[in-house]
Structure formats: structure tokens, C-alpha cells
PDB file of N, CA and C in Angstrom:
ATOM      1  N   UNK A   1     -46.981 -39.336  93.255  1.00  0.00           N
ATOM      2  CA  UNK A   1     -47.927 -37.653  91.784  1.00  0.00           C
ATOM      3  C   UNK A   1     -48.724 -39.221  90.860  1.00  0.00           C
ATOM      4  N   UNK A   2     -50.133 -38.912  91.119  1.00  0.00           N
ATOM      5  CA  UNK A   2     -51.315 -39.939  90.297  1.00  0.00           C
ATOM      6  C   UNK A   2     -51.121 -39.950  89.198  1.00  0.00           C
ATOM      7  N   UNK A   3     -49.710 -39.225  88.853  1.00  0.00           N
ATOM      8  CA  UNK A   3     -49.982 -39.545  87.146  1.00  0.00           C
ATOM      9  C   UNK A   3     -48.465 -40.884  87.494  1.00  0.00           C
ATOM     10  N   UNK A   4     -47.815 -41.163  88.650  1.00  0.00           N
ATOM     11  CA  UNK A   4     -47.404 -42.240  88.427  1.00  0.00           C
ATOM     12  C   UNK A   4     -45.736 -42.274  88.349  1.00  0.00           C
ATOM     13  N   UNK A   5     -46.017 -41.175  88.290  1.00  0.00           N
ATOM     14  CA  UNK A   5     -43.787 -40.377  88.331  1.00  0.00           C
ATOM     15  C   UNK A   5     -43.319 -41.096  89.540  1.00  0.00           C
ATOM     16  N   UNK A   6     -42.236 -41.642  89.760  1.00  0.00           N
ATOM     17  CA  UNK A   6     -42.225 -41.698  91.175  1.00  0.00           C
ATOM     18  C   UNK A   6     -40.891 -40.399  91.802  1.00  0.00           C
ATOM     19  N   UNK A   7     -41.669 -39.321  93.002  1.00  0.00           N
ATOM     20  CA  UNK A   7     -41.194 -38.080  93.098  1.00  0.00           C
ATOM     21  C   UNK A   7     -39.715 -38.518  93.373  1.00  0.00           C
ATOM     22  N   UNK A   8     -39.852 -39.588  94.574  1.00  0.00           N
ATOM     23  CA  UNK A   8     -37.898 -39.676  94.884  1.00  0.00           C
ATOM     24  C   UNK A   8     -37.182 -39.427  94.099  1.00  0.00           C
ATOM     25  N   UNK A   9     -37.399 -39.236  93.047  1.00  0.00           N
ATOM     26  CA  UNK A   9     -36.209 -39.488  92.041  1.00  0.00           C
ATOM     27  C   UNK A   9     -36.198 -37.862  91.373  1.00  0.00           C
ATOM     28  N   UNK A  10     -37.584 -36.883  91.431  1.00  0.00           N
ATOM     29  CA  UNK A  10     -36.898 -35.681  90.957  1.00  0.00           C
ATOM     30  C   UNK A  10     -36.704 -34.993  92.986  1.00  0.00           C
ATOM     31  N   UNK A  11     -36.752 -35.374  93.339  1.00  0.00           N
ATOM     32  CA  UNK A  11     -36.520 -35.121  95.149  1.00  0.00           C
ATOM     33  C   UNK A  11     -35.201 -34.289  95.425  1.00  0.00           C
ATOM     34  N   UNK A  12     -34.415 -33.346  96.255  1.00  0.00           N
ATOM     35  CA  UNK A  12     -33.473 -33.250  96.373  1.00  0.00           C
ATOM     36  C   UNK A  12     -33.245 -31.917  97.908  1.00  0.00           C
ATOM     37  N   UNK A  13     -31.988 -32.347  98.113  1.00  0.00           N
ATOM     38  CA  UNK A  13     -32.384 -31.885  99.632  1.00  0.00           C
ATOM     39  C   UNK A  13     -31.491 -30.106 100.010  1.00  0.00           C
ATOM     40  N   UNK A  14     -31.985 -29.771 100.592  1.00  0.00           N
ATOM     41  CA  UNK A  14     -30.655 -28.691 100.153  1.00  0.00           C
ATOM     42  C   UNK A  14     -30.823 -27.998 102.079  1.00  0.00           C
ATOM     43  N   UNK A  15     -30.019 -27.339 101.886  1.00  0.00           N
ATOM     44  CA  UNK A  15     -29.388 -25.987 102.980  1.00  0.00           C
ATOM     45  C   UNK A  15     -30.221 -24.488 102.881  1.00  0.00           C
ATOM     46  N   UNK A  16     -30.903 -23.743 103.275  1.00  0.00           N
ATOM     47  CA  UNK A  16     -30.926 -21.916 102.992  1.00  0.00           C
ATOM     48  C   UNK A  16     -29.738 -21.000 103.417  1.00  0.00           C
ATOM     49  N   UNK A  17     -29.856 -20.578 101.912  1.00  0.00           N
ATOM     50  CA  UNK A  17     -28.331 -19.739 102.305  1.00  0.00           C
ATOM     51  C   UNK A  17     -28.777 -18.066 102.287  1.00  0.00           C
ATOM     52  N   UNK A  18     -30.435 -17.857 101.595  1.00  0.00           N
ATOM     53  CA  UNK A  18     -30.901 -16.517 101.689  1.00  0.00           C
ATOM     54  C   UNK A  18     -32.231 -16.857 102.562  1.00  0.00           C
ATOM     55  N   UNK A  19     -32.214 -15.450 103.548  1.00  0.00           N
ATOM     56  CA  UNK A  19     -34.357 -15.412 103.352  1.00  0.00           C
ATOM     57  C   UNK A  19     -34.846 -13.841 103.147  1.00  0.00           C
ATOM     58  N   UNK A  20     -35.939 -13.964 102.377  1.00  0.00           N
ATOM     59  CA  UNK A  20     -35.857 -12.810 101.440  1.00  0.00           C
ATOM     60  C   UNK A  20     -37.261 -12.170 102.714  1.00  0.00           C
ATOM     61  N   UNK A  21     -37.914 -13.654 102.945  1.00  0.00           N
ATOM     62  CA  UNK A  21     -39.300 -13.822 103.748  1.00  0.00           C
ATOM     63  C   UNK A  21     -39.994 -14.638 104.003  1.00  0.00           C
ATOM     64  N   UNK A  22     -40.597 -14.835 104.753  1.00  0.00           N
ATOM     65  CA  UNK A  22     -40.780 -16.553 104.493  1.00  0.00           C
ATOM     66  C   UNK A  22     -41.643 -17.018 103.264  1.00  0.00           C
ATOM     67  N   UNK A  23     -41.688 -16.330 102.586  1.00  0.00           N
ATOM     68  CA  UNK A  23     -42.453 -17.312 101.161  1.00  0.00           C
ATOM     69  C   UNK A  23     -40.930 -16.953  99.802  1.00  0.00           C
ATOM     70  N   UNK A  24     -40.088 -16.136 100.254  1.00  0.00           N
ATOM     71  CA  UNK A  24     -38.832 -16.365  99.174  1.00  0.00           C
ATOM     72  C   UNK A  24     -37.522 -16.445 100.328  1.00  0.00           C
ATOM     73  N   UNK A  25     -36.905 -17.937  99.955  1.00  0.00           N
ATOM     74  CA  UNK A  25     -36.422 -17.674 100.091  1.00  0.00           C
ATOM     75  C   UNK A  25     -34.756 -18.741  99.580  1.00  0.00           C
ATOM     76  N   UNK A  26     -33.699 -18.288  99.406  1.00  0.00           N
ATOM     77  CA  UNK A  26     -32.405 -18.880  98.596  1.00  0.00           C
ATOM     78  C   UNK A  26     -31.921 -20.026  99.040  1.00  0.00           C
ATOM     79  N   UNK A  27     -31.737 -21.250  97.983  1.00  0.00           N
ATOM     80  CA  UNK A  27     -30.314 -21.679  98.506  1.00  0.00           C
ATOM     81  C   UNK A  27     -29.519 -21.807  97.311  1.00  0.00           C
ATOM     82  N   UNK A  28     -28.678 -20.995  97.094  1.00  0.00           N
ATOM     83  CA  UNK A  28     -27.178 -20.508  95.944  1.00  0.00           C
ATOM     84  C   UNK A  28     -26.779 -21.565  95.468  1.00  0.00           C
ATOM     85  N   UNK A  29     -26.909 -23.035  95.908  1.00  0.00           N
ATOM     86  CA  UNK A  29     -25.678 -23.628  95.598  1.00  0.00           C
ATOM     87  C   UNK A  29     -26.589 -24.724  94.318  1.00  0.00           C
ATOM     88  N   UNK A  30     -28.328 -24.165  94.094  1.00  0.00           N
ATOM     89  CA  UNK A  30     -29.614 -25.166  93.678  1.00  0.00           C
ATOM     90  C   UNK A  30     -28.696 -24.663  91.910  1.00  0.00           C
ATOM     91  N   UNK A  31     -28.491 -25.775  91.154  1.00  0.00           N
ATOM     92  CA  UNK A  31     -28.358 -25.085  89.618  1.00  0.00           C
ATOM     93  C   UNK A  31     -29.498 -25.313  89.094  1.00  0.00           C
ATOM     94  N   UNK A  32     -30.562 -25.886  88.460  1.00  0.00           N
ATOM     95  CA  UNK A  32     -31.598 -26.513  88.033  1.00  0.00           C
ATOM     96  C   UNK A  32     -31.788 -25.399  87.460  1.00  0.00           C
ATOM     97  N   UNK A  33     -32.612 -25.632  86.321  1.00  0.00           N
ATOM     98  CA  UNK A  33     -33.010 -24.342  85.622  1.00  0.00           C
ATOM     99  C   UNK A  33     -34.696 -24.048  86.170  1.00  0.00           C
ATOM    100  N   UNK A  34     -34.748 -22.534  84.943  1.00  0.00           N
ATOM    101  CA  UNK A  34     -35.429 -22.006  86.000  1.00  0.00           C
ATOM    102  C   UNK A  34     -36.857 -22.663  85.828  1.00  0.00           C
ATOM    103  N   UNK A  35     -37.475 -22.321  86.971  1.00  0.00           N
ATOM    104  CA  UNK A  35     -39.479 -22.834  87.196  1.00  0.00           C
ATOM    105  C   UNK A  35     -39.185 -24.872  87.229  1.00  0.00           C
ATOM    106  N   UNK A  36     -37.460 -24.954  87.210  1.00  0.00           N
ATOM    107  CA  UNK A  36     -37.943 -26.343  87.728  1.00  0.00           C
ATOM    108  C   UNK A  36     -38.683 -27.252  88.573  1.00  0.00           C
ATOM    109  N   UNK A  37     -38.985 -26.600  89.511  1.00  0.00           N
ATOM    110  CA  UNK A  37     -39.068 -26.486  90.883  1.00  0.00           C
ATOM    111  C   UNK A  37     -40.847 -25.770  90.613  1.00  0.00           C
ATOM    112  N   UNK A  38     -41.159 -25.332  90.155  1.00  0.00           N
ATOM    113  CA  UNK A  38     -42.585 -24.793  89.893  1.00  0.00           C
ATOM    114  C   UNK A  38     -43.583 -25.456  90.614  1.00  0.00           C
ATOM    115  N   UNK A  39     -44.225 -25.205  90.750  1.00  0.00           N
ATOM    116  CA  UNK A  39     -45.245 -26.579  90.795  1.00  0.00           C
ATOM    117  C   UNK A  39     -45.208 -27.855  92.143  1.00  0.00           C
ATOM    118  N   UNK A  40     -44.745 -27.987  92.568  1.00  0.00           N
ATOM    119  CA  UNK A  40     -43.573 -28.890  93.194  1.00  0.00           C
ATOM    120  C   UNK A  40     -43.700 -28.008  95.209  1.00  0.00           C
ATOM    121  N   UNK A  41     -43.587 -29.214  95.364  1.00  0.00           N
ATOM    122  CA  UNK A  41     -43.768 -28.939  96.682  1.00  0.00           C
ATOM    123  C   UNK A  41     -42.367 -29.362  97.732  1.00  0.00           C
ATOM    124  N   UNK A  42     -42.003 -27.980  98.798  1.00  0.00           N
ATOM    125  CA  UNK A  42     -40.779 -27.698  99.390  1.00  0.00           C
ATOM    126  C   UNK A  42     -41.127 -27.723 100.821  1.00  0.00           C
ATOM    127  N   UNK A  43     -40.524 -28.931 101.210  1.00  0.00           N
ATOM    128  CA  UNK A  43     -40.678 -29.524 102.746  1.00  0.00           C
ATOM    129  C   UNK A  43     -39.787 -28.629 103.962  1.00  0.00           C
ATOM    130  N   UNK A  44     -40.737 -27.824 104.694  1.00  0.00           N
ATOM    131  CA  UNK A  44     -39.043 -28.505 105.424  1.00  0.00           C
ATOM    132  C   UNK A  44     -38.770 -28.623 106.183  1.00  0.00           C
ATOM    133  N   UNK A  45     -36.914 -29.099 106.394  1.00  0.00           N
ATOM    134  CA  UNK A  45     -36.555 -30.129 107.002  1.00  0.00           C
ATOM    135  C   UNK A  45     -36.083 -30.358 109.030  1.00  0.00           C
ATOM    136  N   UNK A  46     -35.704 -28.917 108.627  1.00  0.00           N
ATOM    137  CA  UNK A  46     -35.019 -28.302 109.930  1.00  0.00           C
ATOM    138  C   UNK A  46     -36.009 -26.736 110.440  1.00  0.00           C
ATOM    139  N   UNK A  47     -35.590 -26.509 111.551  1.00  0.00           N
ATOM    140  CA  UNK A  47     -36.303 -25.187 111.625  1.00  0.00           C
ATOM    141  C   UNK A  47     -37.381 -24.902 111.875  1.00  0.00           C
ATOM    142  N   UNK A  48     -37.990 -24.261 112.264  1.00  0.00           N
ATOM    143  CA  UNK A  48     -39.413 -23.816 113.179  1.00  0.00           C
ATOM    144  C   UNK A  48     -40.378 -24.737 113.267  1.00  0.00           C
ATOM    145  N   UNK A  49     -40.069 -24.504 111.315  1.00  0.00           N
ATOM    146  CA  UNK A  49     -40.806 -24.935 109.951  1.00  0.00           C
ATOM    147  C   UNK A  49     -40.879 -26.820 109.825  1.00  0.00           C
ATOM    148  N   UNK A  50     -40.202 -27.025 110.127  1.00  0.00           N
ATOM    149  CA  UNK A  50     -40.056 -28.766 110.227  1.00  0.00           C
ATOM    150  C   UNK A  50     -41.358 -29.008 109.990  1.00  0.00           C
ATOM    151  N   UNK A  51     -41.474 -30.242 108.586  1.00  0.00           N
ATOM    152  CA  UNK A  51     -42.483 -31.187 108.557  1.00  0.00           C
ATOM    153  C   UNK A  51     -43.605 -30.430 108.021  1.00  0.00           C
ATOM    154  N   UNK A  52     -43.290 -28.826 107.850  1.00  0.00           N
ATOM    155  CA  UNK A  52     -44.160 -27.462 107.069  1.00  0.00           C
ATOM    156  C   UNK A  52     -44.523 -27.880 105.407  1.00  0.00           C
ATOM    157  N   UNK A  53     -44.740 -27.709 104.176  1.00  0.00           N
ATOM    158  CA  UNK A  53     -44.763 -28.037 103.487  1.00  0.00           C
ATOM    159  C   UNK A  53     -45.323 -26.817 102.442  1.00  0.00           C
ATOM    160  N   UNK A  54     -44.952 -26.653 101.526  1.00  0.00           N
ATOM    161  CA  UNK A  54     -45.386 -25.050 100.603  1.00  0.00           C
ATOM    162  C   UNK A  54     -45.167 -25.465  99.034  1.00  0.00           C
ATOM    163  N   UNK A  55     -46.005 -24.846  98.500  1.00  0.00           N
ATOM    164  CA  UNK A  55     -45.691 -24.990  97.282  1.00  0.00           C
ATOM    165  C   UNK A  55     -44.964 -23.966  96.311  1.00  0.00           C
ATOM    166  N   UNK A  56     -44.215 -24.965  95.656  1.00  0.00           N
ATOM    167  CA  UNK A  56     -44.026 -23.301  94.830  1.00  0.00           C
ATOM    168  C   UNK A  56     -44.134 -22.611  93.184  1.00  0.00           C
ATOM    169  N   UNK A  57     -43.183 -21.658  93.761  1.00  0.00           N
ATOM    170  CA  UNK A  57     -45.556 -21.243  92.692  1.00  0.00           C
ATOM    171  C   UNK A  57     -43.658 -20.124  91.488  1.00  0.00           C
ATOM    172  N   UNK A  58     -42.132 -20.338  91.865  1.00  0.00           N
ATOM    173  CA  UNK A  58     -41.825 -19.065  90.662  1.00  0.00           C
ATOM    174  C   UNK A  58     -40.171 -19.911  91.757  1.00  0.00           C
ATOM    175  N   UNK A  59     -39.626 -20.795  90.482  1.00  0.00           N
ATOM    176  CA  UNK A  59     -37.978 -21.146  90.960  1.00  0.00           C
ATOM    177  C   UNK A  59     -37.009 -20.032  90.332  1.00  0.00           C
ATOM    178  N   UNK A  60     -35.653 -19.032  90.641  1.00  0.00           N
ATOM    179  CA  UNK A  60     -35.151 -19.108  90.000  1.00  0.00           C
ATOM    180  C   UNK A  60     -33.863 -19.032  90.384  1.00  0.00           C
ATOM    181  N   UNK A  61     -32.592 -18.843  89.751  1.00  0.00           N
ATOM    182  CA  UNK A  61     -31.264 -18.529  90.131  1.00  0.00           C
ATOM    183  C   UNK A  61     -31.104 -19.752  91.514  1.00  0.00           C
ATOM    184  N   UNK A  62     -31.666 -19.771  92.282  1.00  0.00           N
ATOM    185  CA  UNK A  62     -31.283 -20.581  93.328  1.00  0.00           C
ATOM    186  C   UNK A  62     -32.407 -19.580  94.531  1.00  0.00           C
ATOM    187  N   UNK A  63     -33.919 -19.588  93.373  1.00  0.00           N
ATOM    188  CA  UNK A  63     -34.189 -18.659  94.840  1.00  0.00           C
ATOM    189  C   UNK A  63     -35.924 -19.392  94.753  1.00  0.00           C
ATOM    190  N   UNK A  64     -36.425 -19.189  95.548  1.00  0.00           N
ATOM    191  CA  UNK A  64     -37.990 -20.000  95.942  1.00  0.00           C
ATOM    192  C   UNK A  64     -38.761 -19.056  95.932  1.00  0.00           C
ATOM    193  N   UNK A  65     -39.782 -18.772  95.139  1.00  0.00           N
ATOM    194  CA  UNK A  65     -40.949 -18.072  95.767  1.00  0.00           C
ATOM    195  C   UNK A  65     -42.154 -19.154  95.720  1.00  0.00           C
ATOM    196  N   UNK A  66     -42.992 -18.669  97.632  1.00  0.00           N
ATOM    197  CA  UNK A  66     -44.067 -20.145  97.476  1.00  0.00           C
ATOM    198  C   UNK A  66     -45.165 -18.926  97.321  1.00  0.00           C
ATOM    199  N   UNK A  67     -46.234 -20.113  96.705  1.00  0.00           N
ATOM    200  CA  UNK A  67     -47.230 -19.255  96.565  1.00  0.00           C
ATOM    201  C   UNK A  67     -47.738 -19.015  98.160  1.00  0.00           C
ATOM    202  N   UNK A  68     -47.661 -20.289  99.073  1.00  0.00           N
ATOM    203  CA  UNK A  68     -48.127 -19.376 100.872  1.00  0.00           C
ATOM    204  C   UNK A  68     -47.446 -18.942 101.545  1.00  0.00           C
ATOM    205  N   UNK A  69     -47.071 -18.352 102.459  1.00  0.00           N
ATOM    206  CA  UNK A  69     -45.547 -18.195 102.903  1.00  0.00           C
ATOM    207  C   UNK A  69     -45.407 -19.238 104.379  1.00  0.00           C
ATOM    208  N   UNK A  70     -44.605 -19.565 104.400  1.00  0.00           N
ATOM    209  CA  UNK A  70     -44.408 -20.368 106.014  1.00  0.00           C
ATOM    210  C   UNK A  70     -44.819 -19.598 107.407  1.00  0.00           C
ATOM    211  N   UNK A  71     -45.794 -20.195 108.556  1.00  0.00           N
ATOM    212  CA  UNK A  71     -46.240 -19.233 108.941  1.00  0.00           C
ATOM    213  C   UNK A  71     -45.250 -18.920 110.412  1.00  0.00           C
ATOM    214  N   UNK A  72     -44.035 -19.440 110.241  1.00  0.00           N
ATOM    215  CA  UNK A  72     -43.071 -19.503 111.479  1.00  0.00           C
ATOM    216  C   UNK A  72     -41.547 -18.392 110.105  1.00  0.00           C
ATOM    217  N   UNK A  73     -41.008 -17.918 111.161  1.00  0.00           N
ATOM    218  CA  UNK A  73     -39.596 -17.515 110.906  1.00  0.00           C
ATOM    219  C   UNK A  73     -38.561 -18.543 109.674  1.00  0.00           C
ATOM    220  N   UNK A  74     -38.763 -18.680 108.993  1.00  0.00           N
ATOM    221  CA  UNK A  74     -37.622 -18.850 108.297  1.00  0.00           C
ATOM    222  C   UNK A  74     -35.878 -18.336 108.484  1.00  0.00           C
ATOM    223  N   UNK A  75     -34.874 -19.400 107.943  1.00  0.00           N
ATOM    224  CA  UNK A  75     -33.571 -19.040 108.701  1.00  0.00           C
ATOM    225  C   UNK A  75     -32.583 -19.545 107.758  1.00  0.00           C
ATOM    226  N   UNK A  76     -31.682 -18.957 107.714  1.00  0.00           N
ATOM    227  CA  UNK A  76     -30.725 -19.952 107.064  1.00  0.00           C
ATOM    228  C   UNK A  76     -30.111 -20.518 107.942  1.00  0.00           C
ATOM    229  N   UNK A  77     -29.710 -21.750 107.133  1.00  0.00           N
ATOM    230  CA  UNK A  77     -29.466 -22.770 107.280  1.00  0.00           C
ATOM    231  C   UNK A  77     -30.352 -23.752 107.843  1.00  0.00           C
ATOM    232  N   UNK A  78     -31.488 -23.302 107.403  1.00  0.00           N
ATOM    233  CA  UNK A  78     -32.201 -24.606 107.548  1.00  0.00           C
ATOM    234  C   UNK A  78     -32.457 -25.387 106.320  1.00  0.00           C
ATOM    235  N   UNK A  79     -32.852 -26.661 107.164  1.00  0.00           N
ATOM    236  CA  UNK A  79     -32.843 -28.078 105.685  1.00  0.00           C
ATOM    237  C   UNK A  79     -34.295 -27.898 104.625  1.00  0.00           C
ATOM    238  N   UNK A  80     -34.191 -28.299 103.764  1.00  0.00           N
ATOM    239  CA  UNK A  80     -35.322 -28.805 103.137  1.00  0.00           C
ATOM    240  C   UNK A  80     -35.385 -29.610 102.384  1.00  0.00           C
ATOM    241  N   UNK A  81     -36.129 -30.262 101.309  1.00  0.00           N
ATOM    242  CA  UNK A  81     -36.262 -30.901 100.801  1.00  0.00           C
ATOM    243  C   UNK A  81     -37.392 -30.645  99.660  1.00  0.00           C
ATOM    244  N   UNK A  82     -37.166 -30.709  98.404  1.00  0.00           N
ATOM    245  CA  UNK A  82     -38.959 -30.356  96.921  1.00  0.00           C
ATOM    246  C   UNK A  82     -37.700 -31.126  96.534  1.00  0.00           C
ATOM    247  N   UNK A  83     -39.149 -31.322  94.757  1.00  0.00           N
ATOM    248  CA  UNK A  83     -38.750 -31.977  94.072  1.00  0.00           C
ATOM    249  C   UNK A  83     -39.375 -31.058  92.761  1.00  0.00           C
ATOM    250  N   UNK A  84     -39.242 -31.598  92.175  1.00  0.00           N
ATOM    251  CA  UNK A  84     -39.838 -31.127  90.554  1.00  0.00           C
ATOM    252  C   UNK A  84     -40.943 -30.631  90.663  1.00  0.00           C
ATOM    253  N   UNK A  85     -41.621 -29.825  89.773  1.00  0.00           N
ATOM    254  CA  UNK A  85     -42.746 -29.493  89.558  1.00  0.00           C
ATOM    255  C   UNK A  85     -43.936 -29.830  88.720  1.00  0.00           C
ATOM    256  N   UNK A  86     -44.672 -30.088  88.282  1.00  0.00           N
ATOM    257  CA  UNK A  86     -45.570 -29.808  86.958  1.00  0.00           C
ATOM    258  C   UNK A  86     -46.699 -29.000  86.994  1.00  0.00           C
ATOM    259  N   UNK A  87     -46.286 -28.624  85.663  1.00  0.00           N
ATOM    260  CA  UNK A  87     -47.856 -27.646  85.554  1.00  0.00           C
ATOM    261  C   UNK A  87     -48.644 -27.655  84.647  1.00  0.00           C
ATOM    262  N   UNK A  88     -48.856 -29.431  83.921  1.00  0.00           N
ATOM    263  CA  UNK A  88     -50.033 -29.340  83.671  1.00  0.00           C
ATOM    264  C   UNK A  88     -49.941 -29.770  82.581  1.00  0.00           C
ATOM    265  N   UNK A  89     -48.277 -29.269  81.847  1.00  0.00           N
ATOM    266  CA  UNK A  89     -48.506 -29.168  80.164  1.00  0.00           C
ATOM    267  C   UNK A  89     -47.694 -30.441  79.657  1.00  0.00           C
ATOM    268  N   UNK A  90     -47.991 -30.546  78.321  1.00  0.00           N
ATOM    269  CA  UNK A  90     -47.498 -32.085  77.650  1.00  0.00           C
ATOM    270  C   UNK A  90     -46.210 -32.118  77.496  1.00  0.00           C
ATOM    271  N   UNK A  91     -45.848 -31.011  77.704  1.00  0.00           N
ATOM    272  CA  UNK A  91     -44.756 -30.237  77.247  1.00  0.00           C
ATOM    273  C   UNK A  91     -43.236 -31.492  78.368  1.00  0.00           C
ATOM    274  N   UNK A  92     -43.992 -30.417  79.735  1.00  0.00           N
ATOM    275  CA  UNK A  92     -43.418 -30.605  80.758  1.00  0.00           C
ATOM    276  C   UNK A  92     -43.320 -32.424  81.312  1.00  0.00           C
ATOM    277  N   UNK A  93     -44.352 -32.857  81.050  1.00  0.00           N
ATOM    278  CA  UNK A  93     -44.682 -34.508  81.103  1.00  0.00           C
ATOM    279  C   UNK A  93     -43.738 -35.090  80.000  1.00  0.00           C
ATOM    280  N   UNK A  94     -43.984 -34.363  78.690  1.00  0.00           N
ATOM    281  CA  UNK A  94     -42.830 -35.313  77.996  1.00  0.00           C
ATOM    282  C   UNK A  94     -41.076 -34.834  78.328  1.00  0.00           C
ATOM    283  N   UNK A  95     -40.835 -33.587  78.434  1.00  0.00           N
ATOM    284  CA  UNK A  95     -39.459 -33.601  78.368  1.00  0.00           C
ATOM    285  C   UNK A  95     -38.581 -33.524  79.783  1.00  0.00           C
ATOM    286  N   UNK A  96     -39.322 -33.049  81.067  1.00  0.00           N
ATOM    287  CA  UNK A  96     -38.987 -33.472  82.668  1.00  0.00           C
ATOM    288  C   UNK A  96     -39.069 -34.767  82.706  1.00  0.00           C
ATOM    289  N   UNK A  97     -40.057 -35.343  82.836  1.00  0.00           N
ATOM    290  CA  UNK A  97     -40.339 -35.941  83.180  1.00  0.00           C
ATOM    291  C   UNK A  97     -40.569 -37.945  83.109  1.00  0.00           C
ATOM    292  N   UNK A  98     -40.360 -37.119  81.055  1.00  0.00           N
ATOM    293  CA  UNK A  98     -40.526 -39.093  80.221  1.00  0.00           C
ATOM    294  C   UNK A  98     -41.950 -39.643  80.772  1.00  0.00           C
ATOM    295  N   UNK A  99     -43.399 -38.669  80.308  1.00  0.00           N
ATOM    296  CA  UNK A  99     -43.728 -39.798  81.145  1.00  0.00           C
ATOM    297  C   UNK A  99     -45.729 -39.567  79.968  1.00  0.00           C
ATOM    298  N   UNK A 100     -45.095 -39.128  78.910  1.00  0.00           N
ATOM    299  CA  UNK A 100     -46.469 -38.776  78.068  1.00  0.00           C
ATOM    300  C   UNK A 100     -47.881 -39.812  77.935  1.00  0.00           C
ATOM    301  N   UNK A 101     -47.155 -41.647  78.664  1.00  0.00           N
ATOM    302  CA  UNK A 101     -47.419 -42.673  78.172  1.00  0.00           C
ATOM    303  C   UNK A 101     -49.022 -42.343  79.896  1.00  0.00           C
ATOM    304  N   UNK A 102     -48.610 -41.909  80.518  1.00  0.00           N
ATOM    305  CA  UNK A 102     -49.067 -40.999  81.452  1.00  0.00           C
ATOM    306  C   UNK A 102     -50.029 -39.673  81.491  1.00  0.00           C
ATOM    307  N   UNK A 103     -49.941 -38.893  80.442  1.00  0.00           N
ATOM    308  CA  UNK A 103     -50.300 -37.509  80.774  1.00  0.00           C
ATOM    309  C   UNK A 103     -52.192 -37.669  80.340  1.00  0.00           C
ATOM    310  N   UNK A 104     -52.743 -37.156  81.576  1.00  0.00           N
ATOM    311  CA  UNK A 104     -54.176 -37.080  81.102  1.00  0.00           C
ATOM    312  C   UNK A 104     -54.498 -35.719  80.943  1.00  0.00           C
ATOM    313  N   UNK A 105     -54.357 -35.260  79.974  1.00  0.00           N
ATOM    314  CA  UNK A 105     -55.051 -34.009  79.670  1.00  0.00           C
ATOM    315  C   UNK A 105     -54.929 -34.221  78.621  1.00  0.00           C
ATOM    316  N   UNK A 106     -55.606 -32.910  77.700  1.00  0.00           N
ATOM    317  CA  UNK A 106     -56.407 -32.733  75.769  1.00  0.00           C
ATOM    318  C   UNK A 106     -55.390 -31.994  75.603  1.00  0.00           C
ATOM    319  N   UNK A 107     -54.223 -31.946  75.496  1.00  0.00           N
ATOM    320  CA  UNK A 107     -53.447 -30.719  74.424  1.00  0.00           C
ATOM    321  C   UNK A 107     -54.091 -30.578  72.943  1.00  0.00           C
ATOM    322  N   UNK A 108     -54.569 -31.419  72.446  1.00  0.00           N
ATOM    323  CA  UNK A 108     -54.609 -30.514  71.252  1.00  0.00           C
ATOM    324  C   UNK A 108     -56.469 -30.130  70.965  1.00  0.00           C
ATOM    325  N   UNK A 109     -57.066 -30.376  72.097  1.00  0.00           N
ATOM    326  CA  UNK A 109     -58.436 -29.743  71.788  1.00  0.00           C
ATOM    327  C   UNK A 109     -58.607 -28.457  72.251  1.00  0.00           C
ATOM    328  N   UNK A 110     -59.273 -27.513  70.949  1.00  0.00           N
ATOM    329  CA  UNK A 110     -59.131 -26.369  70.751  1.00  0.00           C
ATOM    330  C   UNK A 110     -59.169 -25.651  72.096  1.00  0.00           C
ATOM    331  N   UNK A 111     -58.470 -24.453  71.319  1.00  0.00           N
ATOM    332  CA  UNK A 111     -58.626 -23.248  73.389  1.00  0.00           C
ATOM    333  C   UNK A 111     -60.410 -22.794  72.745  1.00  0.00           C
ATOM    334  N   UNK A 112     -61.752 -22.442  73.792  1.00  0.00           N
ATOM    335  CA  UNK A 112     -62.462 -21.385  74.044  1.00  0.00           C
ATOM    336  C   UNK A 112     -62.420 -20.690  72.816  1.00  0.00           C
ATOM    337  N   UNK A 113     -61.300 -19.426  72.638  1.00  0.00           N
ATOM    338  CA  UNK A 113     -61.357 -18.501  71.808  1.00  0.00           C
ATOM    339  C   UNK A 113     -61.613 -19.051  70.157  1.00  0.00           C
ATOM    340  N   UNK A 114     -60.485 -20.194  70.279  1.00  0.00           N
ATOM    341  CA  UNK A 114     -60.056 -20.866  69.147  1.00  0.00           C
ATOM    342  C   UNK A 114     -61.477 -21.839  68.672  1.00  0.00           C
ATOM    343  N   UNK A 115     -62.237 -21.880  69.459  1.00  0.00           N
ATOM    344  CA  UNK A 115     -63.739 -23.054  68.872  1.00  0.00           C
ATOM    345  C   UNK A 115     -64.817 -21.995  68.778  1.00  0.00           C
ATOM    346  N   UNK A 116     -64.799 -20.352  69.644  1.00  0.00           N
ATOM    347  CA  UNK A 116     -65.825 -19.867  68.951  1.00  0.00           C
ATOM    348  C   UNK A 116     -65.641 -19.279  68.061  1.00  0.00           C
ATOM    349  N   UNK A 117     -64.335 -18.854  67.245  1.00  0.00           N
ATOM    350  CA  UNK A 117     -64.667 -17.943  66.335  1.00  0.00           C
ATOM    351  C   UNK A 117     -65.410 -18.210  64.980  1.00  0.00           C
ATOM    352  N   UNK A 118     -66.367 -17.381  64.452  1.00  0.00           N
ATOM    353  CA  UNK A 118     -66.510 -17.643  63.526  1.00  0.00           C
ATOM    354  C   UNK A 118     -65.588 -16.935  61.814  1.00  0.00           C
ATOM    355  N   UNK A 119     -66.182 -18.204  61.187  1.00  0.00           N
ATOM    356  CA  UNK A 119     -65.203 -18.325  59.912  1.00  0.00           C
ATOM    357  C   UNK A 119     -63.467 -17.649  59.912  1.00  0.00           C
ATOM    358  N   UNK A 120     -63.246 -16.615  58.525  1.00  0.00           N
ATOM    359  CA  UNK A 120     -61.613 -16.770  59.016  1.00  0.00           C
ATOM    360  C   UNK A 120     -61.543 -15.045  59.584  1.00  0.00           C
ATOM    361  N   UNK A 121     -62.438 -15.234  61.130  1.00  0.00           N
ATOM    362  CA  UNK A 121     -61.811 -14.226  61.215  1.00  0.00           C
ATOM    363  C   UNK A 121     -60.258 -14.133  63.029  1.00  0.00           C
TER     364      UNK A 121
END
């Protein structure tokens, strides 16, 4: 990662136990918190999509919803690896990765709506 986090430390492997579509897949053995893998990359390591990666949009209760579907049929029993994702928020950098020293955002900068208001509005 560009921020210096060793992604291998946050990478896990598994086998799919359910397939809803080529972009919604499940590993019922996953016990990580909701959205732990959101914005991480899931790489298929077996099956028709072996070697292909997709970014995780949502993770909850063992189910991965991907931003883009895999091009070929995904099957129960296909193996994968996935690493924890980062949404570029200070809280994630601090709480999940303990990497605030390398945080490259601007958490204290006023948002557009805050900076453009008049007086007591």
C-alpha cells in the first residue's frame, strides 16, 4: 500500500460457501466485523477467475458484495484471498491499521458546506 501498511498482515484466505451472483459471494466461515474488507481487494485463487481481482464494496456476515462482477462463473468451493480495506478515513487508519503517522488526508479541514455558510446559519 502507498501508506506503508504491510497488506500481508491483513490478508486472509478462504473458500466460497455460497454464490448469489458473480458480484455477491459468501464464505460463511468469515467472522470479521461488518465492512472490515470494504475497499480491499478480493483475488480468486482457483476456479475460472483464478488470478483476477475485484474491489469489495460491502462486507457483512461473511458476504462480499463487489463493485464489479467477475467475468466468469464463480462457484462454491472456489478459493480466494482478500485483504482488509481502507476508506481513506482517519478513524480506519487509526483503529484498524494503527497507521496515523502515515495518514495522508485532511481530517480537520472544514467541509465545503461548513466553509461557505454565512454568519450564524
